[in-house]
Amino acid sequence: MVYCTKCGTKNEDTALVCVKCGASLETGIYEPRRYERKRAEEECFGLPYGGIIIGLAIGVIILLWGAFEFAKQVGWVSKAPEMWPIIIIIFGLIIVLGALYRLGRRPPP
């Protein structure tokens, strides 16, 4: 038996509203919002699949760095460029794209 939280009347277990006062007997337990939680977990820097994007960016930086070091050792180039400006530009682009993406998803006022 389910008791009404408003008037205390006994109701059947399957009842959705109280037979005496008509108050809702639902407990307020909702299904989990798996989709929203999963979507939030997949975002990083505001971008969908941002973790993958960050991983790719770090991979590209490492590959470029290795390629420049190899080119220096072989003698193809005398001096490899500094990597810090490239790193800053890549991460700056990721942050700006994330902000623009979130701004586009915001509902109109």
PDB file of N, CA and C in Angstrom:
ATOM      1  N   MET A   1       0.836  -1.179   0.000  1.00  0.00           N
ATOM      2  CA  MET A   1       0.000   0.000   0.000  1.00  0.00           C
ATOM      3  C   MET A   1       0.885   1.248   0.000  1.00  0.00           C
ATOM      4  N   VAL A   2       0.404   2.263  -0.682  1.00  0.00           N
ATOM      5  CA  VAL A   2       1.098   3.534  -0.767  1.00  0.00           C
ATOM      6  C   VAL A   2       0.278   4.565   0.001  1.00  0.00           C
ATOM      7  N   TYR A   3       0.958   5.332   0.837  1.00  0.00           N
ATOM      8  CA  TYR A   3       0.281   6.379   1.595  1.00  0.00           C
ATOM      9  C   TYR A   3       0.494   7.726   0.913  1.00  0.00           C
ATOM     10  N   CYS A   4      -0.558   8.519   0.855  1.00  0.00           N
ATOM     11  CA  CYS A   4      -0.491   9.852   0.268  1.00  0.00           C
ATOM     12  C   CYS A   4       0.319  10.758   1.196  1.00  0.00           C
ATOM     13  N   THR A   5       1.256  11.507   0.626  1.00  0.00           N
ATOM     14  CA  THR A   5       2.072  12.416   1.440  1.00  0.00           C
ATOM     15  C   THR A   5       1.311  13.681   1.818  1.00  0.00           C
ATOM     16  N   LYS A   6       0.205  13.936   1.136  1.00  0.00           N
ATOM     17  CA  LYS A   6      -0.580  15.147   1.419  1.00  0.00           C
ATOM     18  C   LYS A   6      -1.633  14.899   2.501  1.00  0.00           C
ATOM     19  N   CYS A   7      -2.430  13.797   2.367  1.00  0.00           N
ATOM     20  CA  CYS A   7      -3.535  13.560   3.309  1.00  0.00           C
ATOM     21  C   CYS A   7      -3.386  12.289   4.127  1.00  0.00           C
ATOM     22  N   GLY A   8      -2.441  11.407   3.763  1.00  0.00           N
ATOM     23  CA  GLY A   8      -2.196  10.192   4.525  1.00  0.00           C
ATOM     24  C   GLY A   8      -3.094   9.019   4.190  1.00  0.00           C
ATOM     25  N   THR A   9      -3.909   9.118   3.166  1.00  0.00           N
ATOM     26  CA  THR A   9      -4.829   8.045   2.786  1.00  0.00           C
ATOM     27  C   THR A   9      -4.071   6.880   2.164  1.00  0.00           C
ATOM     28  N   LYS A  10      -4.528   5.641   2.478  1.00  0.00           N
ATOM     29  CA  LYS A  10      -3.959   4.441   1.862  1.00  0.00           C
ATOM     30  C   LYS A  10      -4.443   4.333   0.431  1.00  0.00           C
ATOM     31  N   ASN A  11      -3.522   3.999  -0.467  1.00  0.00           N
ATOM     32  CA  ASN A  11      -3.843   3.816  -1.881  1.00  0.00           C
ATOM     33  C   ASN A  11      -3.209   2.523  -2.364  1.00  0.00           C
ATOM     34  N   GLU A  12      -3.717   2.005  -3.461  1.00  0.00           N
ATOM     35  CA  GLU A  12      -3.149   0.799  -4.065  1.00  0.00           C
ATOM     36  C   GLU A  12      -1.716   1.087  -4.533  1.00  0.00           C
ATOM     37  N   ASP A  13      -0.912   0.034  -4.615  1.00  0.00           N
ATOM     38  CA  ASP A  13       0.476   0.193  -5.059  1.00  0.00           C
ATOM     39  C   ASP A  13       0.585   0.735  -6.475  1.00  0.00           C
ATOM     40  N   THR A  14      -0.373   0.445  -7.313  1.00  0.00           N
ATOM     41  CA  THR A  14      -0.324   0.870  -8.716  1.00  0.00           C
ATOM     42  C   THR A  14      -0.948   2.242  -8.944  1.00  0.00           C
ATOM     43  N   ALA A  15      -1.506   2.859  -7.910  1.00  0.00           N
ATOM     44  CA  ALA A  15      -2.184   4.147  -8.061  1.00  0.00           C
ATOM     45  C   ALA A  15      -1.168   5.249  -8.352  1.00  0.00           C
ATOM     46  N   LEU A  16      -1.539   6.146  -9.258  1.00  0.00           N
ATOM     47  CA  LEU A  16      -0.683   7.279  -9.585  1.00  0.00           C
ATOM     48  C   LEU A  16      -1.107   8.534  -8.841  1.00  0.00           C
ATOM     49  N   VAL A  17      -2.405   8.609  -8.465  1.00  0.00           N
ATOM     50  CA  VAL A  17      -2.920   9.756  -7.710  1.00  0.00           C
ATOM     51  C   VAL A  17      -3.721   9.235  -6.515  1.00  0.00           C
ATOM     52  N   CYS A  18      -3.818  10.068  -5.486  1.00  0.00           N
ATOM     53  CA  CYS A  18      -4.549   9.696  -4.273  1.00  0.00           C
ATOM     54  C   CYS A  18      -6.045   9.611  -4.572  1.00  0.00           C
ATOM     55  N   VAL A  19      -6.699   8.575  -4.034  1.00  0.00           N
ATOM     56  CA  VAL A  19      -8.136   8.407  -4.267  1.00  0.00           C
ATOM     57  C   VAL A  19      -8.955   9.441  -3.505  1.00  0.00           C
ATOM     58  N   LYS A  20      -8.403  10.016  -2.439  1.00  0.00           N
ATOM     59  CA  LYS A  20      -9.153  10.971  -1.625  1.00  0.00           C
ATOM     60  C   LYS A  20      -8.939  12.419  -2.077  1.00  0.00           C
ATOM     61  N   CYS A  21      -7.656  12.830  -2.181  1.00  0.00           N
ATOM     62  CA  CYS A  21      -7.384  14.247  -2.478  1.00  0.00           C
ATOM     63  C   CYS A  21      -6.888  14.495  -3.897  1.00  0.00           C
ATOM     64  N   GLY A  22      -6.491  13.448  -4.632  1.00  0.00           N
ATOM     65  CA  GLY A  22      -6.045  13.602  -6.018  1.00  0.00           C
ATOM     66  C   GLY A  22      -4.587  14.023  -6.167  1.00  0.00           C
ATOM     67  N   ALA A  23      -3.838  14.048  -5.047  1.00  0.00           N
ATOM     68  CA  ALA A  23      -2.425  14.428  -5.120  1.00  0.00           C
ATOM     69  C   ALA A  23      -1.625  13.333  -5.826  1.00  0.00           C
ATOM     70  N   SER A  24      -0.560  13.721  -6.464  1.00  0.00           N
ATOM     71  CA  SER A  24       0.299  12.769  -7.161  1.00  0.00           C
ATOM     72  C   SER A  24       1.000  11.861  -6.159  1.00  0.00           C
ATOM     73  N   LEU A  25       1.067  10.571  -6.471  1.00  0.00           N
ATOM     74  CA  LEU A  25       1.743   9.607  -5.611  1.00  0.00           C
ATOM     75  C   LEU A  25       3.117   9.218  -6.142  1.00  0.00           C
ATOM     76  N   GLU A  26       3.544   9.837  -7.224  1.00  0.00           N
ATOM     77  CA  GLU A  26       4.863   9.533  -7.776  1.00  0.00           C
ATOM     78  C   GLU A  26       5.927  10.040  -6.820  1.00  0.00           C
ATOM     79  N   THR A  27       6.994   9.273  -6.687  1.00  0.00           N
ATOM     80  CA  THR A  27       8.023   9.574  -5.691  1.00  0.00           C
ATOM     81  C   THR A  27       9.016  10.629  -6.142  1.00  0.00           C
ATOM     82  N   GLY A  28       9.012  10.982  -7.400  1.00  0.00           N
ATOM     83  CA  GLY A  28       9.978  11.956  -7.891  1.00  0.00           C
ATOM     84  C   GLY A  28      11.266  11.316  -8.372  1.00  0.00           C
ATOM     85  N   ILE A  29      11.306  10.005  -8.432  1.00  0.00           N
ATOM     86  CA  ILE A  29      12.487   9.318  -8.956  1.00  0.00           C
ATOM     87  C   ILE A  29      12.369   9.294 -10.471  1.00  0.00           C
ATOM     88  N   TYR A  30      13.371   9.809 -11.117  1.00  0.00           N
ATOM     89  CA  TYR A  30      13.355   9.897 -12.575  1.00  0.00           C
ATOM     90  C   TYR A  30      14.401   8.966 -13.153  1.00  0.00           C
ATOM     91  N   GLU A  31      14.188   8.609 -14.394  1.00  0.00           N
ATOM     92  CA  GLU A  31      15.180   7.794 -15.083  1.00  0.00           C
ATOM     93  C   GLU A  31      16.461   8.604 -15.211  1.00  0.00           C
ATOM     94  N   PRO A  32      17.604   7.943 -15.130  1.00  0.00           N
ATOM     95  CA  PRO A  32      18.862   8.682 -15.244  1.00  0.00           C
ATOM     96  C   PRO A  32      18.992   9.318 -16.622  1.00  0.00           C
ATOM     97  N   ARG A  33      19.600  10.452 -16.635  1.00  0.00           N
ATOM     98  CA  ARG A  33      19.800  11.172 -17.893  1.00  0.00           C
ATOM     99  C   ARG A  33      21.127  10.734 -18.496  1.00  0.00           C
ATOM    100  N   ARG A  34      21.133   9.509 -18.982  1.00  0.00           N
ATOM    101  CA  ARG A  34      22.372   8.939 -19.506  1.00  0.00           C
ATOM    102  C   ARG A  34      22.902   9.729 -20.692  1.00  0.00           C
ATOM    103  N   TYR A  35      22.002  10.167 -21.557  1.00  0.00           N
ATOM    104  CA  TYR A  35      22.443  10.860 -22.759  1.00  0.00           C
ATOM    105  C   TYR A  35      23.158  12.151 -22.398  1.00  0.00           C
ATOM    106  N   GLU A  36      22.565  12.934 -21.489  1.00  0.00           N
ATOM    107  CA  GLU A  36      23.184  14.205 -21.111  1.00  0.00           C
ATOM    108  C   GLU A  36      24.500  13.983 -20.389  1.00  0.00           C
ATOM    109  N   ARG A  37      24.544  12.987 -19.510  1.00  0.00           N
ATOM    110  CA  ARG A  37      25.772  12.700 -18.775  1.00  0.00           C
ATOM    111  C   ARG A  37      26.858  12.227 -19.740  1.00  0.00           C
ATOM    112  N   LYS A  38      26.494  11.361 -20.664  1.00  0.00           N
ATOM    113  CA  LYS A  38      27.467  10.851 -21.623  1.00  0.00           C
ATOM    114  C   LYS A  38      27.992  11.987 -22.499  1.00  0.00           C
ATOM    115  N   ARG A  39      27.100  12.872 -22.896  1.00  0.00           N
ATOM    116  CA  ARG A  39      27.505  14.001 -23.730  1.00  0.00           C
ATOM    117  C   ARG A  39      28.483  14.902 -22.981  1.00  0.00           C
ATOM    118  N   ALA A  40      28.203  15.145 -21.692  1.00  0.00           N
ATOM    119  CA  ALA A  40      29.096  15.980 -20.892  1.00  0.00           C
ATOM    120  C   ALA A  40      30.449  15.309 -20.711  1.00  0.00           C
ATOM    121  N   GLU A  41      30.457  13.980 -20.572  1.00  0.00           N
ATOM    122  CA  GLU A  41      31.710  13.267 -20.411  1.00  0.00           C
ATOM    123  C   GLU A  41      32.542  13.300 -21.683  1.00  0.00           C
ATOM    124  N   GLU A  42      31.894  13.381 -22.828  1.00  0.00           N
ATOM    125  CA  GLU A  42      32.614  13.363 -24.095  1.00  0.00           C
ATOM    126  C   GLU A  42      33.137  14.739 -24.483  1.00  0.00           C
ATOM    127  N   GLU A  43      32.742  15.782 -23.754  1.00  0.00           N
ATOM    128  CA  GLU A  43      33.191  17.122 -24.088  1.00  0.00           C
ATOM    129  C   GLU A  43      34.433  17.488 -23.284  1.00  0.00           C
ATOM    130  N   CYS A  44      35.338  18.172 -23.924  1.00  0.00           N
ATOM    131  CA  CYS A  44      36.529  18.692 -23.281  1.00  0.00           C
ATOM    132  C   CYS A  44      36.814  20.021 -23.966  1.00  0.00           C
ATOM    133  N   PHE A  45      37.037  21.057 -23.210  1.00  0.00           N
ATOM    134  CA  PHE A  45      37.181  22.399 -23.749  1.00  0.00           C
ATOM    135  C   PHE A  45      35.922  22.822 -24.497  1.00  0.00           C
ATOM    136  N   GLY A  46      34.778  22.258 -24.141  1.00  0.00           N
ATOM    137  CA  GLY A  46      33.520  22.627 -24.768  1.00  0.00           C
ATOM    138  C   GLY A  46      33.269  21.974 -26.112  1.00  0.00           C
ATOM    139  N   LEU A  47      34.167  21.156 -26.574  1.00  0.00           N
ATOM    140  CA  LEU A  47      34.017  20.514 -27.874  1.00  0.00           C
ATOM    141  C   LEU A  47      33.563  19.071 -27.707  1.00  0.00           C
ATOM    142  N   PRO A  48      32.649  18.616 -28.562  1.00  0.00           N
ATOM    143  CA  PRO A  48      32.320  17.191 -28.503  1.00  0.00           C
ATOM    144  C   PRO A  48      33.552  16.387 -28.882  1.00  0.00           C
ATOM    145  N   TYR A  49      33.775  15.323 -28.154  1.00  0.00           N
ATOM    146  CA  TYR A  49      34.968  14.486 -28.352  1.00  0.00           C
ATOM    147  C   TYR A  49      36.244  15.307 -28.200  1.00  0.00           C
ATOM    148  N   GLY A  50      36.205  16.271 -27.290  1.00  0.00           N
ATOM    149  CA  GLY A  50      37.359  17.144 -27.066  1.00  0.00           C
ATOM    150  C   GLY A  50      38.583  16.390 -26.606  1.00  0.00           C
ATOM    151  N   GLY A  51      38.391  15.314 -25.845  1.00  0.00           N
ATOM    152  CA  GLY A  51      39.526  14.515 -25.404  1.00  0.00           C
ATOM    153  C   GLY A  51      40.273  13.911 -26.574  1.00  0.00           C
ATOM    154  N   ILE A  52      39.522  13.478 -27.568  1.00  0.00           N
ATOM    155  CA  ILE A  52      40.145  12.924 -28.773  1.00  0.00           C
ATOM    156  C   ILE A  52      40.900  14.019 -29.520  1.00  0.00           C
ATOM    157  N   ILE A  53      40.295  15.201 -29.589  1.00  0.00           N
ATOM    158  CA  ILE A  53      40.932  16.320 -30.284  1.00  0.00           C
ATOM    159  C   ILE A  53      42.229  16.707 -29.584  1.00  0.00           C
ATOM    160  N   ILE A  54      42.197  16.761 -28.244  1.00  0.00           N
ATOM    161  CA  ILE A  54      43.411  17.086 -27.486  1.00  0.00           C
ATOM    162  C   ILE A  54      44.478  16.017 -27.722  1.00  0.00           C
ATOM    163  N   GLY A  55      44.072  14.760 -27.703  1.00  0.00           N
ATOM    164  CA  GLY A  55      45.021  13.680 -27.958  1.00  0.00           C
ATOM    165  C   GLY A  55      45.653  13.782 -29.334  1.00  0.00           C
ATOM    166  N   LEU A  56      44.838  14.105 -30.319  1.00  0.00           N
ATOM    167  CA  LEU A  56      45.363  14.284 -31.678  1.00  0.00           C
ATOM    168  C   LEU A  56      46.321  15.471 -31.754  1.00  0.00           C
ATOM    169  N   ALA A  57      45.967  16.561 -31.074  1.00  0.00           N
ATOM    170  CA  ALA A  57      46.830  17.745 -31.082  1.00  0.00           C
ATOM    171  C   ALA A  57      48.184  17.421 -30.459  1.00  0.00           C
ATOM    172  N   ILE A  58      48.176  16.723 -29.336  1.00  0.00           N
ATOM    173  CA  ILE A  58      49.439  16.358 -28.690  1.00  0.00           C
ATOM    174  C   ILE A  58      50.236  15.412 -29.590  1.00  0.00           C
ATOM    175  N   GLY A  59      49.551  14.477 -30.236  1.00  0.00           N
ATOM    176  CA  GLY A  59      50.230  13.577 -31.162  1.00  0.00           C
ATOM    177  C   GLY A  59      50.875  14.316 -32.320  1.00  0.00           C
ATOM    178  N   VAL A  60      50.181  15.287 -32.880  1.00  0.00           N
ATOM    179  CA  VAL A  60      50.729  16.077 -33.994  1.00  0.00           C
ATOM    180  C   VAL A  60      51.950  16.864 -33.534  1.00  0.00           C
ATOM    181  N   ILE A  61      51.860  17.443 -32.336  1.00  0.00           N
ATOM    182  CA  ILE A  61      53.005  18.199 -31.812  1.00  0.00           C
ATOM    183  C   ILE A  61      54.214  17.290 -31.652  1.00  0.00           C
ATOM    184  N   ILE A  62      54.019  16.107 -31.099  1.00  0.00           N
ATOM    185  CA  ILE A  62      55.130  15.170 -30.914  1.00  0.00           C
ATOM    186  C   ILE A  62      55.711  14.738 -32.259  1.00  0.00           C
ATOM    187  N   LEU A  63      54.836  14.459 -33.230  1.00  0.00           N
ATOM    188  CA  LEU A  63      55.327  14.071 -34.561  1.00  0.00           C
ATOM    189  C   LEU A  63      56.122  15.202 -35.223  1.00  0.00           C
ATOM    190  N   LEU A  64      55.614  16.436 -35.126  1.00  0.00           N
ATOM    191  CA  LEU A  64      56.349  17.570 -35.709  1.00  0.00           C
ATOM    192  C   LEU A  64      57.704  17.742 -35.036  1.00  0.00           C
ATOM    193  N   TRP A  65      57.705  17.676 -33.727  1.00  0.00           N
ATOM    194  CA  TRP A  65      58.943  17.833 -32.980  1.00  0.00           C
ATOM    195  C   TRP A  65      59.952  16.760 -33.397  1.00  0.00           C
ATOM    196  N   GLY A  66      59.493  15.498 -33.459  1.00  0.00           N
ATOM    197  CA  GLY A  66      60.372  14.409 -33.872  1.00  0.00           C
ATOM    198  C   GLY A  66      60.880  14.584 -35.298  1.00  0.00           C
ATOM    199  N   ALA A  67      60.017  15.027 -36.185  1.00  0.00           N
ATOM    200  CA  ALA A  67      60.420  15.240 -37.579  1.00  0.00           C
ATOM    201  C   ALA A  67      61.485  16.328 -37.686  1.00  0.00           C
ATOM    202  N   PHE A  68      61.309  17.425 -36.932  1.00  0.00           N
ATOM    203  CA  PHE A  68      62.312  18.495 -36.975  1.00  0.00           C
ATOM    204  C   PHE A  68      63.646  18.038 -36.381  1.00  0.00           C
ATOM    205  N   GLU A  69      63.587  17.265 -35.295  1.00  0.00           N
ATOM    206  CA  GLU A  69      64.829  16.766 -34.695  1.00  0.00           C
ATOM    207  C   GLU A  69      65.535  15.801 -35.656  1.00  0.00           C
ATOM    208  N   PHE A  70      64.768  14.947 -36.319  1.00  0.00           N
ATOM    209  CA  PHE A  70      65.347  14.027 -37.288  1.00  0.00           C
ATOM    210  C   PHE A  70      65.975  14.796 -38.456  1.00  0.00           C
ATOM    211  N   ALA A  71      65.271  15.807 -38.944  1.00  0.00           N
ATOM    212  CA  ALA A  71      65.794  16.612 -40.058  1.00  0.00           C
ATOM    213  C   ALA A  71      67.090  17.311 -39.663  1.00  0.00           C
ATOM    214  N   LYS A  72      67.204  17.742 -38.417  1.00  0.00           N
ATOM    215  CA  LYS A  72      68.452  18.366 -37.947  1.00  0.00           C
ATOM    216  C   LYS A  72      69.594  17.354 -37.929  1.00  0.00           C
ATOM    217  N   GLN A  73      69.326  16.141 -37.438  1.00  0.00           N
ATOM    218  CA  GLN A  73      70.383  15.136 -37.328  1.00  0.00           C
ATOM    219  C   GLN A  73      70.871  14.674 -38.700  1.00  0.00           C
ATOM    220  N   VAL A  74      69.954  14.544 -39.635  1.00  0.00           N
ATOM    221  CA  VAL A  74      70.314  14.087 -40.974  1.00  0.00           C
ATOM    222  C   VAL A  74      71.005  15.202 -41.762  1.00  0.00           C
ATOM    223  N   GLY A  75      70.743  16.432 -41.400  1.00  0.00           N
ATOM    224  CA  GLY A  75      71.362  17.557 -42.087  1.00  0.00           C
ATOM    225  C   GLY A  75      70.468  18.217 -43.106  1.00  0.00           C
ATOM    226  N   TRP A  76      69.197  17.877 -43.118  1.00  0.00           N
ATOM    227  CA  TRP A  76      68.278  18.496 -44.072  1.00  0.00           C
ATOM    228  C   TRP A  76      68.012  19.956 -43.719  1.00  0.00           C
ATOM    229  N   VAL A  77      68.020  20.259 -42.437  1.00  0.00           N
ATOM    230  CA  VAL A  77      67.867  21.643 -41.982  1.00  0.00           C
ATOM    231  C   VAL A  77      68.962  21.909 -40.964  1.00  0.00           C
ATOM    232  N   SER A  78      69.413  23.175 -40.918  1.00  0.00           N
ATOM    233  CA  SER A  78      70.473  23.501 -39.964  1.00  0.00           C
ATOM    234  C   SER A  78      69.901  23.829 -38.590  1.00  0.00           C
ATOM    235  N   LYS A  79      68.703  24.382 -38.566  1.00  0.00           N
ATOM    236  CA  LYS A  79      68.109  24.738 -37.285  1.00  0.00           C
ATOM    237  C   LYS A  79      66.606  24.495 -37.361  1.00  0.00           C
ATOM    238  N   ALA A  80      66.099  23.706 -36.440  1.00  0.00           N
ATOM    239  CA  ALA A  80      64.651  23.442 -36.391  1.00  0.00           C
ATOM    240  C   ALA A  80      63.955  24.604 -35.677  1.00  0.00           C
ATOM    241  N   PRO A  81      62.732  24.910 -36.079  1.00  0.00           N
ATOM    242  CA  PRO A  81      62.012  25.997 -35.421  1.00  0.00           C
ATOM    243  C   PRO A  81      61.644  25.623 -33.985  1.00  0.00           C
ATOM    244  N   GLU A  82      61.424  26.638 -33.174  1.00  0.00           N
ATOM    245  CA  GLU A  82      60.976  26.425 -31.794  1.00  0.00           C
ATOM    246  C   GLU A  82      59.574  25.847 -31.809  1.00  0.00           C
ATOM    247  N   MET A  83      59.298  24.924 -30.874  1.00  0.00           N
ATOM    248  CA  MET A  83      57.993  24.264 -30.832  1.00  0.00           C
ATOM    249  C   MET A  83      56.974  25.019 -29.985  1.00  0.00           C
ATOM    250  N   TRP A  84      57.416  25.877 -29.062  1.00  0.00           N
ATOM    251  CA  TRP A  84      56.462  26.548 -28.167  1.00  0.00           C
ATOM    252  C   TRP A  84      55.409  27.361 -28.897  1.00  0.00           C
ATOM    253  N   PRO A  85      55.759  28.138 -29.917  1.00  0.00           N
ATOM    254  CA  PRO A  85      54.700  28.883 -30.623  1.00  0.00           C
ATOM    255  C   PRO A  85      53.669  27.953 -31.272  1.00  0.00           C
ATOM    256  N   ILE A  86      54.121  26.826 -31.801  1.00  0.00           N
ATOM    257  CA  ILE A  86      53.196  25.873 -32.422  1.00  0.00           C
ATOM    258  C   ILE A  86      52.264  25.289 -31.367  1.00  0.00           C
ATOM    259  N   ILE A  87      52.815  24.919 -30.219  1.00  0.00           N
ATOM    260  CA  ILE A  87      52.004  24.362 -29.129  1.00  0.00           C
ATOM    261  C   ILE A  87      50.968  25.373 -28.662  1.00  0.00           C
ATOM    262  N   ILE A  88      51.380  26.609 -28.463  1.00  0.00           N
ATOM    263  CA  ILE A  88      50.457  27.655 -27.999  1.00  0.00           C
ATOM    264  C   ILE A  88      49.355  27.891 -29.017  1.00  0.00           C
ATOM    265  N   ILE A  89      49.694  27.935 -30.294  1.00  0.00           N
ATOM    266  CA  ILE A  89      48.688  28.156 -31.339  1.00  0.00           C
ATOM    267  C   ILE A  89      47.682  27.012 -31.379  1.00  0.00           C
ATOM    268  N   ILE A  90      48.139  25.775 -31.308  1.00  0.00           N
ATOM    269  CA  ILE A  90      47.224  24.622 -31.373  1.00  0.00           C
ATOM    270  C   ILE A  90      46.262  24.631 -30.196  1.00  0.00           C
ATOM    271  N   PHE A  91      46.779  24.810 -28.977  1.00  0.00           N
ATOM    272  CA  PHE A  91      45.885  24.808 -27.816  1.00  0.00           C
ATOM    273  C   PHE A  91      44.983  26.049 -27.795  1.00  0.00           C
ATOM    274  N   GLY A  92      45.475  27.171 -28.265  1.00  0.00           N
ATOM    275  CA  GLY A  92      44.630  28.364 -28.376  1.00  0.00           C
ATOM    276  C   GLY A  92      43.478  28.136 -29.342  1.00  0.00           C
ATOM    277  N   LEU A  93      43.758  27.488 -30.471  1.00  0.00           N
ATOM    278  CA  LEU A  93      42.704  27.172 -31.435  1.00  0.00           C
ATOM    279  C   LEU A  93      41.654  26.236 -30.840  1.00  0.00           C
ATOM    280  N   ILE A  94      42.098  25.250 -30.080  1.00  0.00           N
ATOM    281  CA  ILE A  94      41.156  24.320 -29.456  1.00  0.00           C
ATOM    282  C   ILE A  94      40.240  25.058 -28.489  1.00  0.00           C
ATOM    283  N   ILE A  95      40.787  25.945 -27.693  1.00  0.00           N
ATOM    284  CA  ILE A  95      39.977  26.687 -26.723  1.00  0.00           C
ATOM    285  C   ILE A  95      39.003  27.619 -27.425  1.00  0.00           C
ATOM    286  N   VAL A  96      39.452  28.326 -28.458  1.00  0.00           N
ATOM    287  CA  VAL A  96      38.566  29.240 -29.193  1.00  0.00           C
ATOM    288  C   VAL A  96      37.455  28.456 -29.894  1.00  0.00           C
ATOM    289  N   LEU A  97      37.779  27.351 -30.523  1.00  0.00           N
ATOM    290  CA  LEU A  97      36.748  26.542 -31.187  1.00  0.00           C
ATOM    291  C   LEU A  97      35.736  26.003 -30.185  1.00  0.00           C
ATOM    292  N   GLY A  98      36.196  25.604 -29.013  1.00  0.00           N
ATOM    293  CA  GLY A  98      35.287  25.142 -27.969  1.00  0.00           C
ATOM    294  C   GLY A  98      34.332  26.240 -27.524  1.00  0.00           C
ATOM    295  N   ALA A  99      34.847  27.442 -27.351  1.00  0.00           N
ATOM    296  CA  ALA A  99      33.998  28.563 -26.942  1.00  0.00           C
ATOM    297  C   ALA A  99      32.969  28.893 -28.028  1.00  0.00           C
ATOM    298  N   LEU A 100      33.384  28.892 -29.278  1.00  0.00           N
ATOM    299  CA  LEU A 100      32.446  29.170 -30.373  1.00  0.00           C
ATOM    300  C   LEU A 100      31.386  28.089 -30.490  1.00  0.00           C
ATOM    301  N   TYR A 101      31.773  26.836 -30.287  1.00  0.00           N
ATOM    302  CA  TYR A 101      30.825  25.734 -30.352  1.00  0.00           C
ATOM    303  C   TYR A 101      29.784  25.868 -29.251  1.00  0.00           C
ATOM    304  N   ARG A 102      30.220  26.147 -28.031  1.00  0.00           N
ATOM    305  CA  ARG A 102      29.281  26.304 -26.910  1.00  0.00           C
ATOM    306  C   ARG A 102      28.376  27.501 -27.130  1.00  0.00           C
ATOM    307  N   LEU A 103      28.908  28.576 -27.674  1.00  0.00           N
ATOM    308  CA  LEU A 103      28.099  29.757 -27.940  1.00  0.00           C
ATOM    309  C   LEU A 103      27.009  29.439 -28.953  1.00  0.00           C
ATOM    310  N   GLY A 104      27.322  28.617 -29.941  1.00  0.00           N
ATOM    311  CA  GLY A 104      26.333  28.225 -30.950  1.00  0.00           C
ATOM    312  C   GLY A 104      25.269  27.293 -30.410  1.00  0.00           C
ATOM    313  N   ARG A 105      25.568  26.547 -29.335  1.00  0.00           N
ATOM    314  CA  ARG A 105      24.612  25.620 -28.744  1.00  0.00           C
ATOM    315  C   ARG A 105      23.690  26.289 -27.742  1.00  0.00           C
ATOM    316  N   ARG A 106      24.028  27.503 -27.300  1.00  0.00           N
ATOM    317  CA  ARG A 106      23.239  28.182 -26.288  1.00  0.00           C
ATOM    318  C   ARG A 106      21.878  28.564 -26.857  1.00  0.00           C
ATOM    319  N   PRO A 107      20.796  28.291 -26.094  1.00  0.00           N
ATOM    320  CA  PRO A 107      19.464  28.661 -26.592  1.00  0.00           C
ATOM    321  C   PRO A 107      19.317  30.182 -26.641  1.00  0.00           C
ATOM    322  N   PRO A 108      18.528  30.685 -27.587  1.00  0.00           N
ATOM    323  CA  PRO A 108      18.346  32.139 -27.689  1.00  0.00           C
ATOM    324  C   PRO A 108      17.648  32.685 -26.457  1.00  0.00           C
ATOM    325  N   PRO A 109      17.967  33.939 -26.049  1.00  0.00           N
ATOM    326  CA  PRO A 109      17.353  34.532 -24.851  1.00  0.00           C
ATOM    327  C   PRO A 109      15.882  34.852 -25.054  1.00  0.00           C
TER     328      PRO A 109
END
